PDB file of N, CA and C in Angstrom:
ATOM      1  N   MET A   1       7.404   2.562 -13.131  1.00  0.00           N
ATOM      2  CA  MET A   1       8.035   3.113 -11.898  1.00  0.00           C
ATOM      3  C   MET A   1       7.236   2.738 -10.662  1.00  0.00           C
ATOM      4  N   ALA A   2       7.584   1.632  -9.754  1.00  0.00           N
ATOM      5  CA  ALA A   2       6.807   1.618  -8.662  1.00  0.00           C
ATOM      6  C   ALA A   2       6.644   2.718  -7.364  1.00  0.00           C
ATOM      7  N   PHE A   3       5.518   2.858  -7.138  1.00  0.00           N
ATOM      8  CA  PHE A   3       5.523   3.792  -5.937  1.00  0.00           C
ATOM      9  C   PHE A   3       6.021   3.283  -4.639  1.00  0.00           C
ATOM     10  N   SER A   4       7.125   4.448  -4.184  1.00  0.00           N
ATOM     11  CA  SER A   4       7.824   3.906  -3.164  1.00  0.00           C
ATOM     12  C   SER A   4       7.492   5.282  -1.921  1.00  0.00           C
ATOM     13  N   TYR A   5       7.483   4.961  -0.654  1.00  0.00           N
ATOM     14  CA  TYR A   5       7.490   5.750   0.570  1.00  0.00           C
ATOM     15  C   TYR A   5       8.755   5.537   1.554  1.00  0.00           C
ATOM     16  N   THR A   6       9.487   6.583   1.749  1.00  0.00           N
ATOM     17  CA  THR A   6      10.498   6.741   2.906  1.00  0.00           C
ATOM     18  C   THR A   6       9.891   7.065   4.064  1.00  0.00           C
ATOM     19  N   ASN A   7       9.966   6.424   5.298  1.00  0.00           N
ATOM     20  CA  ASN A   7       9.523   6.823   6.392  1.00  0.00           C
ATOM     21  C   ASN A   7      10.521   7.725   7.177  1.00  0.00           C
ATOM     22  N   LYS A   8      10.009   8.487   8.342  1.00  0.00           N
ATOM     23  CA  LYS A   8      10.903   9.065   8.989  1.00  0.00           C
ATOM     24  C   LYS A   8      12.252   8.488   9.625  1.00  0.00           C
ATOM     25  N   ARG A   9      12.044   7.226   9.586  1.00  0.00           N
ATOM     26  CA  ARG A   9      13.407   6.594  10.002  1.00  0.00           C
ATOM     27  C   ARG A   9      14.572   6.181   8.739  1.00  0.00           C
ATOM     28  N   GLY A  10      13.930   6.569   7.652  1.00  0.00           N
ATOM     29  CA  GLY A  10      14.616   6.374   6.237  1.00  0.00           C
ATOM     30  C   GLY A  10      14.579   5.072   5.613  1.00  0.00           C
ATOM     31  N   VAL A  11      13.470   4.267   6.020  1.00  0.00           N
ATOM     32  CA  VAL A  11      13.593   3.068   5.309  1.00  0.00           C
ATOM     33  C   VAL A  11      12.313   3.049   4.353  1.00  0.00           C
ATOM     34  N   THR A  12      12.483   2.380   3.079  1.00  0.00           N
ATOM     35  CA  THR A  12      11.908   2.598   2.085  1.00  0.00           C
ATOM     36  C   THR A  12      10.925   1.519   1.723  1.00  0.00           C
ATOM     37  N   TYR A  13       9.457   1.858   1.816  1.00  0.00           N
ATOM     38  CA  TYR A  13       8.797   0.942   1.352  1.00  0.00           C
ATOM     39  C   TYR A  13       7.835   1.267  -0.190  1.00  0.00           C
ATOM     40  N   PHE A  14       7.468  -0.015  -0.720  1.00  0.00           N
ATOM     41  CA  PHE A  14       6.764  -0.136  -1.911  1.00  0.00           C
ATOM     42  C   PHE A  14       5.277  -0.535  -1.701  1.00  0.00           C
ATOM     43  N   LEU A  15       4.196   0.381  -2.729  1.00  0.00           N
ATOM     44  CA  LEU A  15       2.790  -0.001  -2.167  1.00  0.00           C
ATOM     45  C   LEU A  15       2.484  -1.200  -3.251  1.00  0.00           C
ATOM     46  N   HIS A  16       1.718  -2.263  -2.923  1.00  0.00           N
ATOM     47  CA  HIS A  16       1.118  -3.579  -3.587  1.00  0.00           C
ATOM     48  C   HIS A  16      -0.278  -3.413  -3.326  1.00  0.00           C
ATOM     49  N   ALA A  17      -1.042  -3.933  -4.374  1.00  0.00           N
ATOM     50  CA  ALA A  17      -2.076  -4.444  -4.352  1.00  0.00           C
ATOM     51  C   ALA A  17      -2.480  -6.025  -4.596  1.00  0.00           C
ATOM     52  N   LYS A  18      -3.407  -6.291  -3.927  1.00  0.00           N
ATOM     53  CA  LYS A  18      -3.884  -7.736  -4.264  1.00  0.00           C
ATOM     54  C   LYS A  18      -5.680  -7.871  -4.238  1.00  0.00           C
ATOM     55  N   THR A  19      -5.892  -8.501  -5.184  1.00  0.00           N
ATOM     56  CA  THR A  19      -7.338  -8.707  -5.414  1.00  0.00           C
ATOM     57  C   THR A  19      -8.153  -9.978  -5.015  1.00  0.00           C
ATOM     58  N   THR A  20      -9.109 -10.120  -4.039  1.00  0.00           N
ATOM     59  CA  THR A  20      -9.450 -10.965  -3.205  1.00  0.00           C
ATOM     60  C   THR A  20     -10.973 -11.083  -3.210  1.00  0.00           C
ATOM     61  N   THR A  21     -11.508 -12.226  -3.622  1.00  0.00           N
ATOM     62  CA  THR A  21     -12.961 -12.427  -3.548  1.00  0.00           C
ATOM     63  C   THR A  21     -12.905 -12.950  -2.237  1.00  0.00           C
ATOM     64  N   LEU A  22     -14.551 -12.482  -1.456  1.00  0.00           N
ATOM     65  CA  LEU A  22     -14.768 -12.727  -0.127  1.00  0.00           C
ATOM     66  C   LEU A  22     -15.646 -13.799  -0.384  1.00  0.00           C
ATOM     67  N   ARG A  23     -15.987 -14.355   0.568  1.00  0.00           N
ATOM     68  CA  ARG A  23     -17.057 -15.671   0.882  1.00  0.00           C
ATOM     69  C   ARG A  23     -18.527 -14.911   0.211  1.00  0.00           C
ATOM     70  N   SER A  24     -18.851 -13.995   0.423  1.00  0.00           N
ATOM     71  CA  SER A  24     -19.712 -13.351  -0.149  1.00  0.00           C
ATOM     72  C   SER A  24     -20.005 -13.126  -1.624  1.00  0.00           C
ATOM     73  N   GLY A  25     -18.914 -13.324  -2.372  1.00  0.00           N
ATOM     74  CA  GLY A  25     -18.633 -13.152  -3.640  1.00  0.00           C
ATOM     75  C   GLY A  25     -18.404 -11.563  -3.998  1.00  0.00           C
ATOM     76  N   LYS A  26     -18.370 -10.988  -3.068  1.00  0.00           N
ATOM     77  CA  LYS A  26     -17.681  -9.536  -3.637  1.00  0.00           C
ATOM     78  C   LYS A  26     -16.054  -9.327  -3.433  1.00  0.00           C
ATOM     79  N   VAL A  27     -15.714  -8.759  -4.785  1.00  0.00           N
ATOM     80  CA  VAL A  27     -14.469  -8.680  -4.889  1.00  0.00           C
ATOM     81  C   VAL A  27     -14.065  -7.514  -3.923  1.00  0.00           C
ATOM     82  N   GLN A  28     -12.601  -7.618  -3.621  1.00  0.00           N
ATOM     83  CA  GLN A  28     -12.120  -6.877  -2.702  1.00  0.00           C
ATOM     84  C   GLN A  28     -10.669  -6.571  -3.120  1.00  0.00           C
ATOM     85  N   ASN A  29     -10.210  -5.123  -3.187  1.00  0.00           N
ATOM     86  CA  ASN A  29      -8.802  -4.824  -3.412  1.00  0.00           C
ATOM     87  C   ASN A  29      -8.061  -4.613  -1.668  1.00  0.00           C
ATOM     88  N   LEU A  30      -7.172  -5.492  -1.518  1.00  0.00           N
ATOM     89  CA  LEU A  30      -6.133  -4.855  -0.551  1.00  0.00           C
ATOM     90  C   LEU A  30      -4.854  -4.387  -0.866  1.00  0.00           C
ATOM     91  N   TYR A  31      -4.633  -3.394  -0.191  1.00  0.00           N
ATOM     92  CA  TYR A  31      -3.414  -2.474  -0.385  1.00  0.00           C
ATOM     93  C   TYR A  31      -2.465  -2.693   0.566  1.00  0.00           C
ATOM     94  N   TYR A  32      -0.754  -2.730   0.547  1.00  0.00           N
ATOM     95  CA  TYR A  32      -0.304  -3.078   1.588  1.00  0.00           C
ATOM     96  C   TYR A  32       0.850  -2.447   1.262  1.00  0.00           C
ATOM     97  N   PHE A  33       2.083  -2.274   2.260  1.00  0.00           N
ATOM     98  CA  PHE A  33       3.453  -1.751   2.034  1.00  0.00           C
ATOM     99  C   PHE A  33       4.341  -3.012   2.175  1.00  0.00           C
ATOM    100  N   ALA A  34       5.472  -3.181   1.323  1.00  0.00           N
ATOM    101  CA  ALA A  34       6.367  -4.427   1.390  1.00  0.00           C
ATOM    102  C   ALA A  34       7.823  -3.370   1.611  1.00  0.00           C
ATOM    103  N   LYS A  35       8.838  -3.921   1.928  1.00  0.00           N
ATOM    104  CA  LYS A  35      10.285  -3.451   1.914  1.00  0.00           C
ATOM    105  C   LYS A  35      10.845  -3.624   0.403  1.00  0.00           C
ATOM    106  N   GLU A  36      10.450  -4.672  -0.073  1.00  0.00           N
ATOM    107  CA  GLU A  36      11.134  -5.060  -1.366  1.00  0.00           C
ATOM    108  C   GLU A  36       9.931  -5.343  -2.495  1.00  0.00           C
ATOM    109  N   LYS A  37       9.987  -5.132  -3.593  1.00  0.00           N
ATOM    110  CA  LYS A  37       9.306  -5.215  -4.883  1.00  0.00           C
ATOM    111  C   LYS A  37       8.601  -6.395  -5.107  1.00  0.00           C
ATOM    112  N   LYS A  38       7.279  -6.766  -5.257  1.00  0.00           N
ATOM    113  CA  LYS A  38       6.740  -8.247  -5.157  1.00  0.00           C
ATOM    114  C   LYS A  38       5.620  -8.292  -6.344  1.00  0.00           C
ATOM    115  N   ALA A  39       5.078  -9.251  -6.600  1.00  0.00           N
ATOM    116  CA  ALA A  39       4.206  -9.111  -7.761  1.00  0.00           C
ATOM    117  C   ALA A  39       2.602  -8.223  -7.235  1.00  0.00           C
ATOM    118  N   GLY A  40       2.529  -7.597  -7.830  1.00  0.00           N
ATOM    119  CA  GLY A  40       1.261  -6.317  -7.687  1.00  0.00           C
ATOM    120  C   GLY A  40       1.740  -5.198  -7.134  1.00  0.00           C
ATOM    121  N   VAL A  41       3.143  -4.956  -7.456  1.00  0.00           N
ATOM    122  CA  VAL A  41       3.200  -3.410  -6.875  1.00  0.00           C
ATOM    123  C   VAL A  41       2.814  -2.498  -7.835  1.00  0.00           C
ATOM    124  N   LEU A  42       2.307  -1.224  -7.256  1.00  0.00           N
ATOM    125  CA  LEU A  42       1.581  -0.293  -7.889  1.00  0.00           C
ATOM    126  C   LEU A  42       2.545   0.836  -8.180  1.00  0.00           C
ATOM    127  N   ASP A  43       1.853   1.604  -9.221  1.00  0.00           N
ATOM    128  CA  ASP A  43       2.845   2.670  -9.678  1.00  0.00           C
ATOM    129  C   ASP A  43       2.408   4.145  -9.061  1.00  0.00           C
ATOM    130  N   ALA A  44       1.144   4.032  -8.743  1.00  0.00           N
ATOM    131  CA  ALA A  44       0.638   5.233  -7.984  1.00  0.00           C
ATOM    132  C   ALA A  44       0.044   4.980  -6.884  1.00  0.00           C
ATOM    133  N   VAL A  45      -0.646   5.921  -6.123  1.00  0.00           N
ATOM    134  CA  VAL A  45      -1.378   5.722  -4.891  1.00  0.00           C
ATOM    135  C   VAL A  45      -2.883   5.537  -5.792  1.00  0.00           C
ATOM    136  N   PRO A  46      -3.718   4.934  -4.845  1.00  0.00           N
ATOM    137  CA  PRO A  46      -5.210   4.783  -5.574  1.00  0.00           C
ATOM    138  C   PRO A  46      -5.750   6.027  -5.319  1.00  0.00           C
ATOM    139  N   GLN A  47      -6.690   6.402  -6.435  1.00  0.00           N
ATOM    140  CA  GLN A  47      -7.698   7.609  -6.238  1.00  0.00           C
ATOM    141  C   GLN A  47      -8.264   7.456  -5.000  1.00  0.00           C
ATOM    142  N   GLY A  48      -8.434   8.729  -4.389  1.00  0.00           N
ATOM    143  CA  GLY A  48      -9.152   8.568  -3.047  1.00  0.00           C
ATOM    144  C   GLY A  48      -8.478   8.220  -1.694  1.00  0.00           C
ATOM    145  N   TYR A  49      -7.193   7.917  -1.944  1.00  0.00           N
ATOM    146  CA  TYR A  49      -6.397   7.287  -0.800  1.00  0.00           C
ATOM    147  C   TYR A  49      -5.002   8.311  -0.705  1.00  0.00           C
ATOM    148  N   LYS A  50      -4.738   8.290   0.585  1.00  0.00           N
ATOM    149  CA  LYS A  50      -3.615   9.096   0.707  1.00  0.00           C
ATOM    150  C   LYS A  50      -2.929   8.146   1.566  1.00  0.00           C
ATOM    151  N   VAL A  51      -1.128   8.535   1.758  1.00  0.00           N
ATOM    152  CA  VAL A  51      -0.518   7.704   2.744  1.00  0.00           C
ATOM    153  C   VAL A  51      -0.197   8.673   3.880  1.00  0.00           C
ATOM    154  N   ASP A  52      -0.317   7.678   4.874  1.00  0.00           N
ATOM    155  CA  ASP A  52       0.406   8.195   6.501  1.00  0.00           C
ATOM    156  C   ASP A  52       0.926   7.319   7.146  1.00  0.00           C
ATOM    157  N   GLU A  53       1.382   7.637   8.269  1.00  0.00           N
ATOM    158  CA  GLU A  53       2.501   6.961   8.723  1.00  0.00           C
ATOM    159  C   GLU A  53       2.019   6.740  10.138  1.00  0.00           C
ATOM    160  N   THR A  54       2.131   5.491  10.963  1.00  0.00           N
ATOM    161  CA  THR A  54       1.966   5.338  12.265  1.00  0.00           C
ATOM    162  C   THR A  54       3.098   5.794  13.147  1.00  0.00           C
ATOM    163  N   ALA A  55       2.735   5.649  14.451  1.00  0.00           N
ATOM    164  CA  ALA A  55       3.424   6.309  15.286  1.00  0.00           C
ATOM    165  C   ALA A  55       4.847   5.157  15.202  1.00  0.00           C
ATOM    166  N   ASN A  56       4.886   4.089  14.868  1.00  0.00           N
ATOM    167  CA  ASN A  56       6.110   3.319  14.634  1.00  0.00           C
ATOM    168  C   ASN A  56       6.780   3.486  13.312  1.00  0.00           C
ATOM    169  N   GLY A  57       6.163   4.467  12.629  1.00  0.00           N
ATOM    170  CA  GLY A  57       6.932   4.535  11.454  1.00  0.00           C
ATOM    171  C   GLY A  57       6.554   3.545  10.156  1.00  0.00           C
ATOM    172  N   LEU A  58       5.379   3.125  10.383  1.00  0.00           N
ATOM    173  CA  LEU A  58       4.799   1.960   8.917  1.00  0.00           C
ATOM    174  C   LEU A  58       3.850   3.025   8.433  1.00  0.00           C
ATOM    175  N   PRO A  59       4.216   2.741   7.082  1.00  0.00           N
ATOM    176  CA  PRO A  59       3.281   3.691   6.334  1.00  0.00           C
ATOM    177  C   PRO A  59       1.717   2.936   6.099  1.00  0.00           C
ATOM    178  N   VAL A  60       0.803   3.432   5.958  1.00  0.00           N
ATOM    179  CA  VAL A  60      -0.327   2.809   5.905  1.00  0.00           C
ATOM    180  C   VAL A  60      -1.039   4.015   4.813  1.00  0.00           C
ATOM    181  N   LEU A  61      -2.386   3.163   4.001  1.00  0.00           N
ATOM    182  CA  LEU A  61      -3.266   3.895   3.382  1.00  0.00           C
ATOM    183  C   LEU A  61      -4.539   4.480   4.051  1.00  0.00           C
ATOM    184  N   LYS A  62      -4.869   5.812   4.076  1.00  0.00           N
ATOM    185  CA  LYS A  62      -5.940   6.082   4.618  1.00  0.00           C
ATOM    186  C   LYS A  62      -7.051   6.672   3.303  1.00  0.00           C
ATOM    187  N   LYS A  63      -8.488   6.618   3.484  1.00  0.00           N
ATOM    188  CA  LYS A  63      -9.127   7.366   2.615  1.00  0.00           C
ATOM    189  C   LYS A  63      -8.982   8.882   2.789  1.00  0.00           C
ATOM    190  N   ALA A  64      -8.870   9.345   1.805  1.00  0.00           N
ATOM    191  CA  ALA A  64      -8.604  10.988   1.694  1.00  0.00           C
ATOM    192  C   ALA A  64     -10.118  11.516   1.890  1.00  0.00           C
TER     193      ALA A  64
END
């Protein structure tokens, strides 16, 4: 079951993750919300993060 978040305007977003290798060789996880389920959809919020909402209603992940 994919993690979903419904904002104050009633729009539902799904949490996704993408792993990227930086030029320095360090591996970094990128987290983002999308309106549709795509490859990389997550089942839960990663440990140490919480979901917050911008003034425009866009969901973002913040460190807890």
